[in-house]
Amino acid sequence: METILLILILLYSIILHEISHGYVAYKLGDPTAKYEGRLTFNPISHIDFFGTIILPFLTFLTTGFIFGYAKPVPYNPYNLKNPQKDSILIALAGPLINIFLALFFSFLYKIFLFQQITNFLSLLNYGVRINLLLAIFNLVPIPPLDGSKLLLLKIPFHIYQYLEIYGFFLIFIFIWLFFPYISLLVNYFQNWLI
């Protein structure tokens, strides 16, 4: 039962991350995600065969670390009033919802701890951790991670597109070299929240 709840926390933290991208795009004038049925809590709509099933399985077998992604929520920058600025807002919506969820789980953790109800504390602690990890990792400025959109403030779009070609390769190098530091950062904020 606890394993199922852990999977559900992870799954819906990722789904809310993706929905938030589409919802902000919709509010900024682009209905693409809505028309493609991506503003839904149905997990099937967010599953990417490679990124959600094959890649996590392969990375777990080869490294012991699970890495994957949901199907990216589409948006059309030509529907936005200010494509550069609005693209950044759409990108930041995902990490911001994960920060909100981390705060929400930490709030519940403190309530359960105060009431001396210990059954769900490990689940709530996991909810804090996984959402901090999703927020911090997605803010790394490597395409196609959400934080990479901030590069558009400093570099020309054609250079950004060039970086996108090598994005996944750069992400794997980043994970290999810097994931322990991301983990330390997550630990710091997790301890601070809880």
N, C-alpha and C. Protein backbone atom coordinates (compact mmCIF):
# COMPACT_ATOMS: atom_id res chain seq x y z
N MET A 1 0.83 -1.21 0.00
CA MET A 1 0.00 0.00 0.00
C MET A 1 0.87 1.27 0.00
N GLU A 2 1.91 1.25 0.84
CA GLU A 2 2.78 2.43 0.92
C GLU A 2 3.50 2.67 -0.40
N THR A 3 3.91 1.58 -1.06
CA THR A 3 4.59 1.71 -2.36
C THR A 3 3.66 2.35 -3.39
N ILE A 4 2.39 1.95 -3.38
CA ILE A 4 1.41 2.51 -4.31
C ILE A 4 1.24 4.01 -4.06
N LEU A 5 1.18 4.40 -2.79
CA LEU A 5 1.03 5.82 -2.44
C LEU A 5 2.27 6.61 -2.86
N LEU A 6 3.45 6.02 -2.70
CA LEU A 6 4.68 6.68 -3.13
C LEU A 6 4.68 6.92 -4.64
N ILE A 7 4.25 5.90 -5.38
CA ILE A 7 4.17 6.02 -6.85
C ILE A 7 3.16 7.09 -7.24
N LEU A 8 2.02 7.12 -6.53
CA LEU A 8 0.98 8.12 -6.84
C LEU A 8 1.48 9.54 -6.56
N ILE A 9 2.22 9.71 -5.46
CA ILE A 9 2.78 11.04 -5.15
C ILE A 9 3.73 11.48 -6.26
N LEU A 10 4.62 10.57 -6.67
CA LEU A 10 5.55 10.88 -7.76
C LEU A 10 4.81 11.17 -9.05
N LEU A 11 3.87 10.30 -9.39
CA LEU A 11 3.14 10.42 -10.66
C LEU A 11 2.39 11.74 -10.74
N TYR A 12 1.64 12.08 -9.68
CA TYR A 12 0.84 13.30 -9.75
C TYR A 12 1.65 14.57 -9.52
N SER A 13 2.81 14.45 -8.91
CA SER A 13 3.71 15.61 -8.84
C SER A 13 4.21 15.95 -10.24
N ILE A 14 4.51 14.91 -11.03
CA ILE A 14 4.96 15.11 -12.42
C ILE A 14 3.80 15.61 -13.28
N ILE A 15 2.61 15.01 -13.10
CA ILE A 15 1.44 15.41 -13.90
C ILE A 15 1.07 16.86 -13.62
N LEU A 16 1.06 17.27 -12.35
CA LEU A 16 0.75 18.67 -12.02
C LEU A 16 1.79 19.61 -12.60
N HIS A 17 3.03 19.17 -12.62
CA HIS A 17 4.12 19.95 -13.24
C HIS A 17 3.79 20.21 -14.71
N GLU A 18 3.39 19.15 -15.41
CA GLU A 18 3.09 19.28 -16.85
C GLU A 18 1.81 20.08 -17.09
N ILE A 19 0.77 19.81 -16.31
CA ILE A 19 -0.49 20.54 -16.47
C ILE A 19 -0.27 22.04 -16.27
N SER A 20 0.59 22.40 -15.30
CA SER A 20 0.81 23.82 -15.02
C SER A 20 1.40 24.54 -16.24
N HIS A 21 2.28 23.85 -16.99
CA HIS A 21 2.81 24.45 -18.22
C HIS A 21 1.66 24.78 -19.18
N GLY A 22 0.81 23.78 -19.41
CA GLY A 22 -0.30 23.95 -20.35
C GLY A 22 -1.32 24.97 -19.89
N TYR A 23 -1.56 25.01 -18.58
CA TYR A 23 -2.56 25.94 -18.03
C TYR A 23 -2.08 27.39 -18.18
N VAL A 24 -0.81 27.62 -17.86
CA VAL A 24 -0.27 28.99 -18.00
C VAL A 24 -0.26 29.40 -19.47
N ALA A 25 0.11 28.47 -20.35
CA ALA A 25 0.07 28.77 -21.79
C ALA A 25 -1.35 29.13 -22.22
N TYR A 26 -2.32 28.38 -21.72
CA TYR A 26 -3.73 28.64 -22.04
C TYR A 26 -4.14 30.04 -21.57
N LYS A 27 -3.74 30.39 -20.35
CA LYS A 27 -4.08 31.71 -19.80
C LYS A 27 -3.38 32.83 -20.57
N LEU A 28 -2.25 32.50 -21.19
CA LEU A 28 -1.51 33.51 -21.96
C LEU A 28 -1.92 33.55 -23.43
N GLY A 29 -2.95 32.79 -23.78
CA GLY A 29 -3.51 32.88 -25.12
C GLY A 29 -3.29 31.70 -26.04
N ASP A 30 -2.61 30.65 -25.56
CA ASP A 30 -2.35 29.50 -26.42
C ASP A 30 -3.16 28.28 -25.96
N PRO A 31 -4.17 27.87 -26.73
CA PRO A 31 -5.02 26.74 -26.32
C PRO A 31 -4.52 25.36 -26.77
N THR A 32 -3.28 25.27 -27.27
CA THR A 32 -2.77 24.02 -27.83
C THR A 32 -2.90 22.85 -26.87
N ALA A 33 -2.45 23.02 -25.63
CA ALA A 33 -2.49 21.93 -24.64
C ALA A 33 -3.93 21.51 -24.35
N LYS A 34 -4.82 22.49 -24.30
CA LYS A 34 -6.23 22.17 -24.04
C LYS A 34 -6.81 21.37 -25.19
N TYR A 35 -6.56 21.81 -26.42
CA TYR A 35 -7.10 21.11 -27.59
C TYR A 35 -6.54 19.70 -27.74
N GLU A 36 -5.31 19.48 -27.24
CA GLU A 36 -4.71 18.15 -27.33
C GLU A 36 -5.00 17.28 -26.11
N GLY A 37 -5.88 17.77 -25.23
CA GLY A 37 -6.32 16.98 -24.08
C GLY A 37 -5.27 16.80 -23.01
N ARG A 38 -4.36 17.78 -22.88
CA ARG A 38 -3.26 17.65 -21.91
C ARG A 38 -3.53 18.35 -20.59
N LEU A 39 -4.63 19.07 -20.48
CA LEU A 39 -4.97 19.69 -19.19
C LEU A 39 -5.85 18.73 -18.40
N THR A 40 -5.35 17.53 -18.18
CA THR A 40 -6.11 16.47 -17.53
C THR A 40 -5.24 15.77 -16.49
N PHE A 41 -5.90 15.20 -15.47
CA PHE A 41 -5.20 14.44 -14.44
C PHE A 41 -5.08 12.96 -14.83
N ASN A 42 -5.56 12.61 -16.01
CA ASN A 42 -5.46 11.23 -16.48
C ASN A 42 -4.00 10.93 -16.84
N PRO A 43 -3.35 10.00 -16.11
CA PRO A 43 -1.92 9.74 -16.35
C PRO A 43 -1.62 9.28 -17.77
N ILE A 44 -2.56 8.59 -18.40
CA ILE A 44 -2.32 8.04 -19.74
C ILE A 44 -2.00 9.16 -20.73
N SER A 45 -2.63 10.32 -20.55
CA SER A 45 -2.40 11.45 -21.46
C SER A 45 -0.99 12.02 -21.34
N HIS A 46 -0.28 11.70 -20.25
CA HIS A 46 1.04 12.29 -20.01
C HIS A 46 2.18 11.29 -20.16
N ILE A 47 1.85 10.04 -20.52
CA ILE A 47 2.89 9.02 -20.65
C ILE A 47 3.58 9.12 -22.00
N ASP A 48 4.90 9.21 -21.96
CA ASP A 48 5.73 9.15 -23.15
C ASP A 48 6.37 7.76 -23.15
N PHE A 49 6.16 6.97 -24.20
CA PHE A 49 6.59 5.57 -24.19
C PHE A 49 8.07 5.44 -23.85
N PHE A 50 8.90 6.28 -24.47
CA PHE A 50 10.34 6.19 -24.20
C PHE A 50 10.68 6.82 -22.85
N GLY A 51 10.25 8.07 -22.64
CA GLY A 51 10.67 8.83 -21.46
C GLY A 51 10.08 8.37 -20.15
N THR A 52 8.88 7.79 -20.18
CA THR A 52 8.20 7.39 -18.94
C THR A 52 8.34 5.90 -18.64
N ILE A 53 8.63 5.10 -19.66
CA ILE A 53 8.68 3.65 -19.45
C ILE A 53 10.09 3.09 -19.70
N ILE A 54 10.60 3.26 -20.92
CA ILE A 54 11.87 2.63 -21.29
C ILE A 54 13.07 3.29 -20.59
N LEU A 55 13.16 4.63 -20.66
CA LEU A 55 14.32 5.33 -20.11
C LEU A 55 14.49 5.12 -18.60
N PRO A 56 13.42 5.26 -17.78
CA PRO A 56 13.59 4.99 -16.34
C PRO A 56 14.06 3.57 -16.06
N PHE A 57 13.55 2.61 -16.83
CA PHE A 57 13.95 1.22 -16.65
C PHE A 57 15.43 1.03 -16.99
N LEU A 58 15.87 1.61 -18.11
CA LEU A 58 17.27 1.49 -18.53
C LEU A 58 18.23 2.20 -17.57
N THR A 59 17.86 3.41 -17.14
CA THR A 59 18.75 4.15 -16.23
C THR A 59 18.84 3.47 -14.87
N PHE A 60 17.74 2.87 -14.42
CA PHE A 60 17.78 2.16 -13.15
C PHE A 60 18.68 0.92 -13.25
N LEU A 61 18.58 0.19 -14.37
CA LEU A 61 19.40 -1.00 -14.55
C LEU A 61 20.89 -0.67 -14.65
N THR A 62 21.20 0.45 -15.32
CA THR A 62 22.61 0.77 -15.58
C THR A 62 23.26 1.60 -14.48
N THR A 63 22.48 2.46 -13.81
CA THR A 63 23.08 3.37 -12.81
C THR A 63 22.49 3.23 -11.42
N GLY A 64 21.31 2.60 -11.30
CA GLY A 64 20.62 2.54 -10.01
C GLY A 64 19.83 3.80 -9.74
N PHE A 65 19.92 4.78 -10.65
CA PHE A 65 19.19 6.05 -10.52
C PHE A 65 18.09 6.08 -11.57
N ILE A 66 16.89 6.45 -11.14
CA ILE A 66 15.77 6.50 -12.09
C ILE A 66 15.69 7.89 -12.69
N PHE A 67 15.79 7.95 -14.02
CA PHE A 67 15.65 9.21 -14.74
C PHE A 67 14.64 9.01 -15.86
N GLY A 68 13.71 9.93 -15.96
CA GLY A 68 12.71 9.85 -17.02
C GLY A 68 11.97 11.16 -17.12
N TYR A 69 10.96 11.16 -17.95
CA TYR A 69 10.17 12.37 -18.12
C TYR A 69 8.79 12.01 -18.65
N ALA A 70 7.85 12.91 -18.40
CA ALA A 70 6.51 12.76 -18.97
C ALA A 70 6.51 13.38 -20.36
N LYS A 71 5.45 13.11 -21.10
CA LYS A 71 5.31 13.70 -22.42
C LYS A 71 5.24 15.23 -22.26
N PRO A 72 6.14 15.98 -22.90
CA PRO A 72 6.11 17.43 -22.74
C PRO A 72 4.78 18.02 -23.23
N VAL A 73 4.28 18.99 -22.48
CA VAL A 73 3.04 19.66 -22.87
C VAL A 73 3.36 20.64 -24.00
N PRO A 74 2.65 20.53 -25.12
CA PRO A 74 2.96 21.40 -26.26
C PRO A 74 2.37 22.81 -26.08
N TYR A 75 3.06 23.76 -26.65
CA TYR A 75 2.47 25.10 -26.77
C TYR A 75 3.01 25.73 -28.05
N ASN A 76 2.23 26.66 -28.57
CA ASN A 76 2.59 27.32 -29.82
C ASN A 76 2.96 28.76 -29.52
N PRO A 77 4.25 29.11 -29.61
CA PRO A 77 4.67 30.48 -29.26
C PRO A 77 4.03 31.55 -30.14
N TYR A 78 3.55 31.15 -31.33
CA TYR A 78 2.93 32.14 -32.22
C TYR A 78 1.57 32.59 -31.71
N ASN A 79 1.00 31.86 -30.75
CA ASN A 79 -0.27 32.27 -30.14
C ASN A 79 -0.07 33.20 -28.95
N LEU A 80 1.16 33.41 -28.56
CA LEU A 80 1.46 34.23 -27.38
C LEU A 80 1.69 35.68 -27.77
N LYS A 81 1.29 36.60 -26.90
CA LYS A 81 1.46 38.02 -27.19
C LYS A 81 2.93 38.41 -27.16
N ASN A 82 3.66 37.86 -26.19
CA ASN A 82 5.09 38.14 -26.06
C ASN A 82 5.82 36.79 -25.96
N PRO A 83 6.14 36.18 -27.11
CA PRO A 83 6.66 34.81 -27.11
C PRO A 83 7.87 34.57 -26.19
N GLN A 84 8.82 35.50 -26.17
CA GLN A 84 10.01 35.29 -25.35
C GLN A 84 9.67 35.31 -23.86
N LYS A 85 9.00 36.35 -23.41
CA LYS A 85 8.66 36.48 -21.99
C LYS A 85 7.66 35.40 -21.57
N ASP A 86 6.64 35.17 -22.40
CA ASP A 86 5.61 34.20 -22.06
C ASP A 86 6.16 32.77 -22.03
N SER A 87 7.12 32.46 -22.90
CA SER A 87 7.75 31.14 -22.89
C SER A 87 8.47 30.89 -21.58
N ILE A 88 9.08 31.92 -21.02
CA ILE A 88 9.75 31.79 -19.73
C ILE A 88 8.74 31.55 -18.62
N LEU A 89 7.62 32.30 -18.65
CA LEU A 89 6.56 32.11 -17.64
C LEU A 89 5.99 30.69 -17.71
N ILE A 90 5.77 30.20 -18.93
CA ILE A 90 5.24 28.84 -19.11
C ILE A 90 6.23 27.81 -18.55
N ALA A 91 7.52 28.01 -18.83
CA ALA A 91 8.54 27.08 -18.36
C ALA A 91 8.64 27.07 -16.84
N LEU A 92 8.58 28.26 -16.22
CA LEU A 92 8.74 28.35 -14.77
C LEU A 92 7.53 27.83 -14.00
N ALA A 93 6.38 27.71 -14.67
CA ALA A 93 5.17 27.24 -14.00
C ALA A 93 5.36 25.85 -13.41
N GLY A 94 6.10 24.97 -14.10
CA GLY A 94 6.31 23.60 -13.62
C GLY A 94 7.08 23.55 -12.31
N PRO A 95 8.30 24.12 -12.27
CA PRO A 95 9.04 24.14 -11.00
C PRO A 95 8.30 24.86 -9.88
N LEU A 96 7.56 25.92 -10.22
CA LEU A 96 6.83 26.65 -9.18
C LEU A 96 5.73 25.79 -8.55
N ILE A 97 5.04 24.99 -9.36
CA ILE A 97 4.01 24.11 -8.79
C ILE A 97 4.65 23.06 -7.91
N ASN A 98 5.85 22.60 -8.27
CA ASN A 98 6.56 21.63 -7.43
C ASN A 98 7.01 22.24 -6.10
N ILE A 99 7.41 23.51 -6.13
CA ILE A 99 7.77 24.21 -4.88
C ILE A 99 6.52 24.35 -4.01
N PHE A 100 5.40 24.70 -4.63
CA PHE A 100 4.14 24.80 -3.88
C PHE A 100 3.78 23.46 -3.26
N LEU A 101 3.91 22.36 -4.02
CA LEU A 101 3.60 21.03 -3.50
C LEU A 101 4.54 20.64 -2.35
N ALA A 102 5.82 21.00 -2.46
CA ALA A 102 6.77 20.72 -1.37
C ALA A 102 6.34 21.46 -0.10
N LEU A 103 5.92 22.71 -0.25
CA LEU A 103 5.43 23.48 0.90
C LEU A 103 4.15 22.86 1.47
N PHE A 104 3.26 22.41 0.60
CA PHE A 104 2.01 21.78 1.01
C PHE A 104 2.29 20.49 1.81
N PHE A 105 3.17 19.64 1.28
CA PHE A 105 3.50 18.39 1.98
C PHE A 105 4.20 18.67 3.31
N SER A 106 5.04 19.70 3.35
CA SER A 106 5.73 20.03 4.61
C SER A 106 4.74 20.56 5.64
N PHE A 107 3.73 21.30 5.19
CA PHE A 107 2.67 21.80 6.08
C PHE A 107 1.90 20.62 6.67
N LEU A 108 1.52 19.66 5.82
CA LEU A 108 0.82 18.46 6.31
C LEU A 108 1.71 17.66 7.27
N TYR A 109 3.00 17.59 6.95
CA TYR A 109 3.95 16.87 7.80
C TYR A 109 3.93 17.45 9.21
N LYS A 110 3.98 18.77 9.31
CA LYS A 110 4.01 19.43 10.62
C LYS A 110 2.70 19.21 11.38
N ILE A 111 1.58 19.22 10.65
CA ILE A 111 0.29 18.97 11.31
C ILE A 111 0.24 17.55 11.86
N PHE A 112 0.63 16.56 11.04
CA PHE A 112 0.61 15.17 11.48
C PHE A 112 1.59 14.94 12.63
N LEU A 113 2.75 15.61 12.56
CA LEU A 113 3.76 15.48 13.62
C LEU A 113 3.23 16.08 14.92
N PHE A 114 2.61 17.24 14.81
CA PHE A 114 2.06 17.93 15.99
C PHE A 114 0.93 17.10 16.63
N GLN A 115 0.13 16.46 15.78
CA GLN A 115 -0.97 15.63 16.29
C GLN A 115 -0.50 14.23 16.69
N GLN A 116 0.81 13.98 16.52
CA GLN A 116 1.43 12.69 16.85
C GLN A 116 0.79 11.53 16.07
N ILE A 117 0.47 11.81 14.78
CA ILE A 117 -0.01 10.77 13.86
C ILE A 117 1.16 10.44 12.95
N THR A 118 1.83 9.35 13.21
CA THR A 118 3.10 9.06 12.53
C THR A 118 2.96 8.18 11.29
N ASN A 119 1.77 7.64 11.03
CA ASN A 119 1.60 6.69 9.93
C ASN A 119 2.03 7.26 8.58
N PHE A 120 1.72 8.54 8.33
CA PHE A 120 1.92 9.11 7.00
C PHE A 120 3.14 10.02 6.91
N LEU A 121 3.91 10.09 7.98
CA LEU A 121 5.04 11.04 7.98
C LEU A 121 6.07 10.72 6.90
N SER A 122 6.38 9.43 6.70
CA SER A 122 7.37 9.08 5.69
C SER A 122 6.87 9.40 4.28
N LEU A 123 5.56 9.22 4.06
CA LEU A 123 4.98 9.56 2.75
C LEU A 123 5.04 11.07 2.50
N LEU A 124 4.70 11.84 3.53
CA LEU A 124 4.71 13.30 3.39
C LEU A 124 6.15 13.81 3.21
N ASN A 125 7.09 13.20 3.92
CA ASN A 125 8.50 13.53 3.78
C ASN A 125 8.96 13.26 2.34
N TYR A 126 8.52 12.13 1.79
CA TYR A 126 8.83 11.78 0.40
C TYR A 126 8.21 12.81 -0.55
N GLY A 127 6.98 13.25 -0.25
CA GLY A 127 6.32 14.27 -1.07
C GLY A 127 7.11 15.56 -1.11
N VAL A 128 7.67 15.95 0.04
CA VAL A 128 8.52 17.15 0.10
C VAL A 128 9.76 16.93 -0.76
N ARG A 129 10.41 15.78 -0.57
CA ARG A 129 11.69 15.52 -1.24
C ARG A 129 11.54 15.44 -2.76
N ILE A 130 10.54 14.67 -3.22
CA ILE A 130 10.41 14.47 -4.67
C ILE A 130 10.05 15.78 -5.36
N ASN A 131 9.26 16.62 -4.72
CA ASN A 131 8.88 17.89 -5.35
C ASN A 131 10.03 18.90 -5.33
N LEU A 132 10.84 18.88 -4.27
CA LEU A 132 12.04 19.73 -4.27
C LEU A 132 13.00 19.28 -5.36
N LEU A 133 13.15 17.96 -5.51
CA LEU A 133 14.03 17.42 -6.55
C LEU A 133 13.54 17.81 -7.93
N LEU A 134 12.24 17.68 -8.18
CA LEU A 134 11.68 18.06 -9.48
C LEU A 134 11.88 19.54 -9.76
N ALA A 135 11.65 20.38 -8.73
CA ALA A 135 11.79 21.83 -8.91
C ALA A 135 13.23 22.21 -9.20
N ILE A 136 14.15 21.75 -8.35
CA ILE A 136 15.56 22.15 -8.48
C ILE A 136 16.17 21.60 -9.76
N PHE A 137 15.91 20.32 -10.05
CA PHE A 137 16.50 19.72 -11.25
C PHE A 137 15.98 20.41 -12.52
N ASN A 138 14.67 20.70 -12.55
CA ASN A 138 14.10 21.33 -13.75
C ASN A 138 14.54 22.77 -13.93
N LEU A 139 15.08 23.39 -12.88
CA LEU A 139 15.57 24.77 -12.99
C LEU A 139 17.00 24.84 -13.53
N VAL A 140 17.64 23.69 -13.71
CA VAL A 140 18.98 23.67 -14.30
C VAL A 140 18.89 24.21 -15.73
N PRO A 141 19.75 25.15 -16.11
CA PRO A 141 19.62 25.81 -17.43
C PRO A 141 20.22 25.01 -18.59
N ILE A 142 19.76 23.76 -18.75
CA ILE A 142 20.17 22.92 -19.88
C ILE A 142 18.91 22.53 -20.64
N PRO A 143 18.83 22.82 -21.94
CA PRO A 143 17.66 22.40 -22.73
C PRO A 143 17.54 20.87 -22.71
N PRO A 144 16.35 20.32 -22.61
CA PRO A 144 15.04 20.98 -22.64
C PRO A 144 14.47 21.26 -21.26
N LEU A 145 15.29 21.25 -20.20
CA LEU A 145 14.79 21.52 -18.85
C LEU A 145 14.22 22.94 -18.78
N ASP A 146 13.28 23.13 -17.86
CA ASP A 146 12.54 24.40 -17.79
C ASP A 146 13.46 25.60 -17.57
N GLY A 147 14.49 25.44 -16.75
CA GLY A 147 15.40 26.54 -16.46
C GLY A 147 16.14 27.04 -17.68
N SER A 148 16.22 26.21 -18.71
CA SER A 148 16.95 26.62 -19.92
C SER A 148 16.28 27.78 -20.63
N LYS A 149 14.98 27.96 -20.41
CA LYS A 149 14.28 29.07 -21.07
C LYS A 149 14.80 30.42 -20.59
N LEU A 150 15.39 30.45 -19.39
CA LEU A 150 15.98 31.70 -18.89
C LEU A 150 17.17 32.14 -19.74
N LEU A 151 17.78 31.17 -20.44
CA LEU A 151 18.90 31.51 -21.32
C LEU A 151 18.47 32.44 -22.45
N LEU A 152 17.17 32.38 -22.79
CA LEU A 152 16.66 33.23 -23.88
C LEU A 152 16.78 34.71 -23.55
N LEU A 153 16.93 35.02 -22.25
CA LEU A 153 17.13 36.42 -21.86
C LEU A 153 18.53 36.91 -22.21
N LYS A 154 19.48 35.95 -22.40
CA LYS A 154 20.88 36.32 -22.58
C LYS A 154 21.48 35.90 -23.92
N ILE A 155 20.93 34.87 -24.54
CA ILE A 155 21.56 34.38 -25.78
C ILE A 155 20.55 34.40 -26.92
N PRO A 156 21.01 34.51 -28.17
CA PRO A 156 20.10 34.48 -29.32
C PRO A 156 19.40 33.12 -29.44
N PHE A 157 18.23 33.16 -30.05
CA PHE A 157 17.40 31.95 -30.15
C PHE A 157 18.11 30.85 -30.94
N HIS A 158 18.87 31.22 -31.99
CA HIS A 158 19.52 30.19 -32.80
C HIS A 158 20.59 29.44 -32.02
N ILE A 159 21.23 30.10 -31.04
CA ILE A 159 22.21 29.42 -30.18
C ILE A 159 21.48 28.48 -29.23
N TYR A 160 20.33 28.95 -28.72
CA TYR A 160 19.51 28.09 -27.85
C TYR A 160 19.09 26.82 -28.60
N GLN A 161 18.66 26.99 -29.85
CA GLN A 161 18.26 25.83 -30.65
C GLN A 161 19.43 24.86 -30.86
N TYR A 162 20.63 25.41 -31.02
CA TYR A 162 21.83 24.58 -31.17
C TYR A 162 22.07 23.77 -29.89
N LEU A 163 21.91 24.42 -28.73
CA LEU A 163 22.08 23.72 -27.45
C LEU A 163 21.04 22.61 -27.28
N GLU A 164 19.83 22.84 -27.80
CA GLU A 164 18.76 21.85 -27.68
C GLU A 164 19.14 20.53 -28.35
N ILE A 165 19.90 20.61 -29.42
CA ILE A 165 20.31 19.40 -30.15
C ILE A 165 21.08 18.45 -29.24
N TYR A 166 21.93 19.03 -28.38
CA TYR A 166 22.78 18.23 -27.49
C TYR A 166 22.23 18.17 -26.06
N GLY A 167 21.00 18.63 -25.87
CA GLY A 167 20.43 18.76 -24.53
C GLY A 167 20.48 17.50 -23.69
N PHE A 168 19.97 16.39 -24.22
CA PHE A 168 19.92 15.17 -23.42
C PHE A 168 21.31 14.65 -23.08
N PHE A 169 22.24 14.80 -24.01
CA PHE A 169 23.62 14.40 -23.75
C PHE A 169 24.20 15.25 -22.61
N LEU A 170 23.95 16.57 -22.65
CA LEU A 170 24.43 17.47 -21.60
C LEU A 170 23.78 17.16 -20.25
N ILE A 171 22.50 16.77 -20.28
CA ILE A 171 21.80 16.42 -19.03
C ILE A 171 22.44 15.20 -18.38
N PHE A 172 22.74 14.19 -19.18
CA PHE A 172 23.36 12.98 -18.63
C PHE A 172 24.74 13.28 -18.05
N ILE A 173 25.50 14.15 -18.71
CA ILE A 173 26.80 14.56 -18.17
C ILE A 173 26.60 15.30 -16.85
N PHE A 174 25.61 16.19 -16.84
CA PHE A 174 25.31 16.96 -15.63
C PHE A 174 24.94 16.03 -14.48
N ILE A 175 24.05 15.05 -14.74
CA ILE A 175 23.65 14.11 -13.69
C ILE A 175 24.87 13.35 -13.17
N TRP A 176 25.71 12.90 -14.08
CA TRP A 176 26.88 12.12 -13.71
C TRP A 176 27.84 12.94 -12.84
N LEU A 177 28.04 14.22 -13.19
CA LEU A 177 29.01 15.05 -12.49
C LEU A 177 28.44 15.77 -11.26
N PHE A 178 27.18 16.21 -11.37
CA PHE A 178 26.68 17.16 -10.36
C PHE A 178 25.49 16.68 -9.54
N PHE A 179 24.97 15.46 -9.81
CA PHE A 179 23.78 15.06 -9.06
C PHE A 179 24.00 15.01 -7.55
N PRO A 180 25.19 14.61 -7.05
CA PRO A 180 25.40 14.66 -5.59
C PRO A 180 25.18 16.05 -5.01
N TYR A 181 25.53 17.09 -5.78
CA TYR A 181 25.34 18.47 -5.29
C TYR A 181 23.86 18.86 -5.30
N ILE A 182 23.14 18.39 -6.32
CA ILE A 182 21.68 18.61 -6.35
C ILE A 182 21.05 17.94 -5.14
N SER A 183 21.51 16.72 -4.85
CA SER A 183 20.98 15.97 -3.71
C SER A 183 21.25 16.70 -2.40
N LEU A 184 22.45 17.30 -2.26
CA LEU A 184 22.77 18.08 -1.06
C LEU A 184 21.85 19.29 -0.94
N LEU A 185 21.58 19.94 -2.06
CA LEU A 185 20.68 21.10 -2.07
C LEU A 185 19.27 20.68 -1.67
N VAL A 186 18.80 19.55 -2.21
CA VAL A 186 17.48 19.03 -1.85
C VAL A 186 17.44 18.72 -0.35
N ASN A 187 18.50 18.09 0.17
CA ASN A 187 18.57 17.76 1.60
C ASN A 187 18.48 19.02 2.46
N TYR A 188 19.19 20.07 2.03
CA TYR A 188 19.20 21.32 2.79
C TYR A 188 17.79 21.91 2.89
N PHE A 189 17.12 22.04 1.74
CA PHE A 189 15.78 22.63 1.74
C PHE A 189 14.76 21.71 2.42
N GLN A 190 14.95 20.40 2.26
CA GLN A 190 14.04 19.44 2.91
C GLN A 190 14.15 19.57 4.45
N ASN A 191 15.37 19.64 4.96
CA ASN A 191 15.57 19.79 6.40
C ASN A 191 15.02 21.13 6.88
N TRP A 192 15.17 22.16 6.06
CA TRP A 192 14.67 23.48 6.44
C TRP A 192 13.14 23.49 6.50
N LEU A 193 12.50 22.81 5.54
CA LEU A 193 11.03 22.78 5.51
C LEU A 193 10.45 21.90 6.61
N ILE A 194 11.14 20.81 6.91
CA ILE A 194 10.60 19.85 7.86
C ILE A 194 11.20 20.00 9.25
